[in-house]
Amino acid sequence: MLRANAAKVDWDQQKKQWHVEIVMGAEVVKRWLKGRPHETADDSLRSLAVETAKDEGYELDAGQVTVAR
């Protein structure tokens, strides 16, 4: 598995859903986290970001995930 540098999870006010951006050098993978309410805990969002990165074939440390509210 390739190693991701970082990830950012933020709330899209228009679509009313969470969005994750996974960064690997110059490459960025963007995915929606559907079905999660705005009140979802930061730890859960970090875990979802790590899981999403894994699904895309990347290894990501939860400590490298930033949650922007």
N, C-alpha and C. Protein backbone atom coordinates (compact mmCIF):
# COMPACT_ATOMS: atom_id res chain seq x y z
N MET A 1 0.84 -1.19 0.00
CA MET A 1 0.00 0.00 0.00
C MET A 1 0.88 1.24 0.00
N LEU A 2 0.45 2.24 -0.74
CA LEU A 2 1.13 3.52 -0.74
C LEU A 2 0.73 4.31 0.50
N ARG A 3 1.59 5.18 0.94
CA ARG A 3 1.35 5.98 2.15
C ARG A 3 0.80 7.35 1.78
N ALA A 4 -0.32 7.72 2.37
CA ALA A 4 -0.89 9.06 2.19
C ALA A 4 -0.22 10.01 3.18
N ASN A 5 -0.03 11.26 2.76
CA ASN A 5 0.61 12.25 3.63
C ASN A 5 -0.34 12.80 4.70
N ALA A 6 -1.57 13.09 4.29
CA ALA A 6 -2.52 13.72 5.19
C ALA A 6 -3.93 13.62 4.61
N ALA A 7 -4.90 14.02 5.42
CA ALA A 7 -6.28 14.07 4.96
C ALA A 7 -7.00 15.19 5.71
N LYS A 8 -8.02 15.72 5.06
CA LYS A 8 -8.85 16.77 5.67
C LYS A 8 -10.31 16.37 5.48
N VAL A 9 -11.07 16.44 6.56
CA VAL A 9 -12.50 16.16 6.51
C VAL A 9 -13.22 17.47 6.83
N ASP A 10 -14.14 17.87 5.97
CA ASP A 10 -14.89 19.09 6.23
C ASP A 10 -16.35 18.92 5.82
N TRP A 11 -17.19 19.78 6.37
CA TRP A 11 -18.64 19.74 6.15
C TRP A 11 -18.98 20.65 4.98
N ASP A 12 -19.69 20.10 4.00
CA ASP A 12 -20.17 20.89 2.87
C ASP A 12 -21.57 21.37 3.20
N GLN A 13 -21.71 22.65 3.44
CA GLN A 13 -22.98 23.23 3.88
C GLN A 13 -24.07 23.07 2.83
N GLN A 14 -23.74 23.20 1.55
CA GLN A 14 -24.74 23.08 0.49
C GLN A 14 -25.26 21.66 0.33
N LYS A 15 -24.37 20.68 0.36
CA LYS A 15 -24.78 19.28 0.17
C LYS A 15 -25.16 18.59 1.47
N LYS A 16 -24.88 19.26 2.60
CA LYS A 16 -25.21 18.72 3.92
C LYS A 16 -24.58 17.35 4.14
N GLN A 17 -23.30 17.21 3.77
CA GLN A 17 -22.57 15.98 4.02
C GLN A 17 -21.09 16.24 4.20
N TRP A 18 -20.43 15.27 4.80
CA TRP A 18 -19.00 15.36 5.04
C TRP A 18 -18.23 15.01 3.78
N HIS A 19 -17.08 15.64 3.60
CA HIS A 19 -16.23 15.47 2.44
C HIS A 19 -14.81 15.23 2.93
N VAL A 20 -14.13 14.24 2.35
CA VAL A 20 -12.75 13.95 2.74
C VAL A 20 -11.83 14.15 1.54
N GLU A 21 -10.69 14.79 1.80
CA GLU A 21 -9.64 14.97 0.79
C GLU A 21 -8.38 14.28 1.32
N ILE A 22 -7.91 13.29 0.58
CA ILE A 22 -6.72 12.53 0.97
C ILE A 22 -5.57 12.98 0.08
N VAL A 23 -4.46 13.39 0.69
CA VAL A 23 -3.32 13.96 -0.03
C VAL A 23 -2.16 12.97 -0.04
N MET A 24 -1.67 12.69 -1.25
CA MET A 24 -0.49 11.85 -1.45
C MET A 24 0.44 12.62 -2.38
N GLY A 25 1.35 13.37 -1.81
CA GLY A 25 2.23 14.21 -2.64
C GLY A 25 1.41 15.25 -3.38
N ALA A 26 1.48 15.22 -4.73
CA ALA A 26 0.73 16.18 -5.53
C ALA A 26 -0.67 15.67 -5.88
N GLU A 27 -0.95 14.42 -5.58
CA GLU A 27 -2.24 13.82 -5.89
C GLU A 27 -3.21 14.00 -4.74
N VAL A 28 -4.48 14.30 -5.07
CA VAL A 28 -5.53 14.45 -4.06
C VAL A 28 -6.73 13.62 -4.48
N VAL A 29 -7.22 12.79 -3.56
CA VAL A 29 -8.43 11.99 -3.80
C VAL A 29 -9.54 12.61 -2.96
N LYS A 30 -10.67 12.90 -3.60
CA LYS A 30 -11.80 13.52 -2.90
C LYS A 30 -12.98 12.55 -2.91
N ARG A 31 -13.57 12.36 -1.74
CA ARG A 31 -14.71 11.45 -1.60
C ARG A 31 -15.72 12.04 -0.62
N TRP A 32 -17.00 11.68 -0.81
CA TRP A 32 -18.07 12.08 0.10
C TRP A 32 -18.27 11.01 1.15
N LEU A 33 -18.57 11.41 2.36
CA LEU A 33 -18.91 10.49 3.44
C LEU A 33 -20.41 10.61 3.65
N LYS A 34 -21.16 9.92 2.85
CA LYS A 34 -22.63 10.03 2.86
C LYS A 34 -23.25 9.40 4.09
N GLY A 35 -24.36 9.96 4.51
CA GLY A 35 -25.14 9.40 5.60
C GLY A 35 -24.63 9.70 7.00
N ARG A 36 -23.68 10.60 7.12
CA ARG A 36 -23.15 10.95 8.44
C ARG A 36 -23.68 12.34 8.83
N PRO A 37 -24.29 12.46 10.00
CA PRO A 37 -24.82 13.76 10.41
C PRO A 37 -23.70 14.75 10.76
N HIS A 38 -24.05 16.01 10.78
CA HIS A 38 -23.09 17.07 11.09
C HIS A 38 -22.50 16.89 12.49
N GLU A 39 -23.24 16.26 13.39
CA GLU A 39 -22.80 16.08 14.78
C GLU A 39 -21.85 14.91 14.97
N THR A 40 -21.46 14.23 13.91
CA THR A 40 -20.56 13.08 14.01
C THR A 40 -19.29 13.48 14.74
N ALA A 41 -18.84 12.65 15.67
CA ALA A 41 -17.66 12.92 16.48
C ALA A 41 -16.40 12.95 15.61
N ASP A 42 -15.45 13.77 16.01
CA ASP A 42 -14.19 13.90 15.27
C ASP A 42 -13.47 12.57 15.13
N ASP A 43 -13.43 11.76 16.19
CA ASP A 43 -12.76 10.46 16.14
C ASP A 43 -13.40 9.55 15.09
N SER A 44 -14.72 9.58 15.00
CA SER A 44 -15.41 8.78 13.98
C SER A 44 -15.07 9.26 12.58
N LEU A 45 -15.00 10.57 12.41
CA LEU A 45 -14.66 11.12 11.10
C LEU A 45 -13.23 10.76 10.70
N ARG A 46 -12.33 10.77 11.68
CA ARG A 46 -10.95 10.37 11.40
C ARG A 46 -10.89 8.90 10.98
N SER A 47 -11.64 8.06 11.67
CA SER A 47 -11.68 6.63 11.33
C SER A 47 -12.25 6.42 9.92
N LEU A 48 -13.28 7.18 9.59
CA LEU A 48 -13.86 7.08 8.25
C LEU A 48 -12.88 7.53 7.18
N ALA A 49 -12.10 8.55 7.46
CA ALA A 49 -11.09 9.02 6.52
C ALA A 49 -10.02 7.96 6.30
N VAL A 50 -9.58 7.31 7.38
CA VAL A 50 -8.59 6.23 7.28
C VAL A 50 -9.16 5.06 6.48
N GLU A 51 -10.41 4.72 6.73
CA GLU A 51 -11.07 3.63 6.01
C GLU A 51 -11.22 3.96 4.52
N THR A 52 -11.58 5.21 4.22
CA THR A 52 -11.72 5.64 2.83
C THR A 52 -10.38 5.58 2.12
N ALA A 53 -9.33 6.02 2.78
CA ALA A 53 -7.98 5.95 2.20
C ALA A 53 -7.61 4.49 1.91
N LYS A 54 -7.91 3.61 2.84
CA LYS A 54 -7.61 2.19 2.67
C LYS A 54 -8.36 1.63 1.46
N ASP A 55 -9.63 2.01 1.31
CA ASP A 55 -10.43 1.56 0.17
C ASP A 55 -9.83 2.02 -1.15
N GLU A 56 -9.14 3.15 -1.12
CA GLU A 56 -8.51 3.70 -2.32
C GLU A 56 -7.09 3.16 -2.53
N GLY A 57 -6.62 2.32 -1.59
CA GLY A 57 -5.31 1.72 -1.72
C GLY A 57 -4.18 2.48 -1.06
N TYR A 58 -4.53 3.31 -0.08
CA TYR A 58 -3.53 4.12 0.62
C TYR A 58 -3.56 3.83 2.11
N GLU A 59 -2.41 3.91 2.73
CA GLU A 59 -2.29 3.78 4.18
C GLU A 59 -2.26 5.19 4.76
N LEU A 60 -3.05 5.43 5.78
CA LEU A 60 -3.15 6.76 6.38
C LEU A 60 -3.20 6.64 7.89
N ASP A 61 -2.40 7.44 8.57
CA ASP A 61 -2.38 7.49 10.02
C ASP A 61 -3.48 8.45 10.48
N ALA A 62 -4.30 8.02 11.43
CA ALA A 62 -5.40 8.85 11.93
C ALA A 62 -4.90 10.18 12.50
N GLY A 63 -3.66 10.21 12.97
CA GLY A 63 -3.08 11.45 13.50
C GLY A 63 -2.81 12.49 12.42
N GLN A 64 -2.86 12.08 11.16
CA GLN A 64 -2.63 13.00 10.03
C GLN A 64 -3.94 13.53 9.44
N VAL A 65 -5.06 13.22 10.09
CA VAL A 65 -6.37 13.65 9.60
C VAL A 65 -6.84 14.88 10.37
N THR A 66 -7.15 15.93 9.64
CA THR A 66 -7.65 17.18 10.21
C THR A 66 -9.17 17.24 9.98
N VAL A 67 -9.93 17.62 11.01
CA VAL A 67 -11.37 17.79 10.89
C VAL A 67 -11.68 19.28 11.00
N ALA A 68 -12.30 19.82 9.96
CA ALA A 68 -12.68 21.23 9.93
C ALA A 68 -14.19 21.34 10.06
N ARG A 69 -14.63 22.04 11.08
CA ARG A 69 -16.09 22.18 11.29
C ARG A 69 -16.56 23.53 10.84
